[in-house]
Amino acid sequence: MTELEPLPLASIRFAIAALLAVIWLIWKRPARMPFNDTLLCAVCGIIGGAGYSVLLNFGEQTVAAGAASFLIKTESLWMATFAVLLLKERFSALAWGGTALCIIGIALIASAQSGGLSWSSGATFVLAAALCSAGGFTMQRRMVARYGALHVAAIMFIAGAVALLPWLPRALAETGSASLEVRGWSFFLGVFPTAIGLVCWAYALGHFGVARAGNFLYLIAPLATLIAWIVAGETPKPSTILGGLLILTGVIIVNARAKKATPATAAISEAPLGAGK
C-alpha cells in the first residue's frame, strides 16, 4: 500500500465503510438516537476509528514490525484498565495474570519479527493509536448495549468518514492513478477490516464486556503467524511458538475465570436495544 499516503488511505477506507452504513440506515430505518448518544457515537468513530487508523498508518511508516505489533496490542491492556476504572467492570487478579501472560507472549512474537522491539519515531504514533482504539471501544460499550452493534457502528463509520473528508479528493486521485492491486486492497480494507471487522467487534463488546473482549485481540498475532505459516510458508521461530502458547493460555485464563458482571453492568447489558430511544 505504498502508493497511498496515510491520510488518504484512512479516508478511502472510511468512505467505503460509510457508504455501506448509509445503505444499511436507509434499508433498516432504525429509530433515531437522542442527540447526546448520537454525538457520543460520533466521537467514538472519530477517536477510535479515524484517529486510530490515521495514527497507525503514520506510525507504521517508520516503526519496525516487531515494535508495531507489540505496541498496538497494548490497546487490550488499556481497554481492561479503562473498563475497570470507568465502567466498573470486574477483572479479577487471576484475569490480570492472564493478561500479563498475553503481553509477554506478544513481546516474544514481536521480538522475533523484523526490527525486533527497537524504538523509532513512529512508535509514538502507534502507541497513540492503541490509546485511541481503547478509548473509543470503551466509550461505545454502553451505546452498543442500548442500540445494537450495527446502529452504533453505522454512526461511527459516517463520523469517521466526515472527519477524514478533506483528504478524500486526494485519496480518489491517488487511487485512480494506482495499480489495480492497490485499488483492490483499498476496497478490501474498507469492507472487511473496517466495516465488517468493526461491526463484529461491536457485537463482541456488547456480549463480553470491554475488559474480557479486549483480551481476544491478543489472538491476532498468533493467528496471523499461523496463516503466514500455512499460506506463505513462513516457518515461525521457537520464540514465536512459545509466545503464541502464552497468549492462548492467558486468554483461556481470563475467560475461564471471568466473573459475573456487577449489577450495574448487567443492567446495561440486558437493556433492550431500543432502550433510551
Foldseek 3Di string as FASTA:
>chain_A
DVLDAQLLLLLLLLVLLLVVLVVVCVVPVDDDFPPVLLVLLLLLLQQQNLLLSSLLRQLVVPDFQLQLQLLLLCLLVLLLVCCCVPVVWDFDPLLVVLVVLLSLLSLLQSQQGPPRNDDDPSSVSSNSSSNSNSVSLQSCLLLCLAANLSNSLNSSSNSSNVVSVVSNVVSVVSLVPDDPVVVVVSSVSSPPCRNVVSSVLSVLCLPPNRNLSSLVVSLPSLVVVVCCCVPVVDDDDPSNVSSNVSSVSSNCSRVVPRDDTDPVSVVSSPHDNNPND
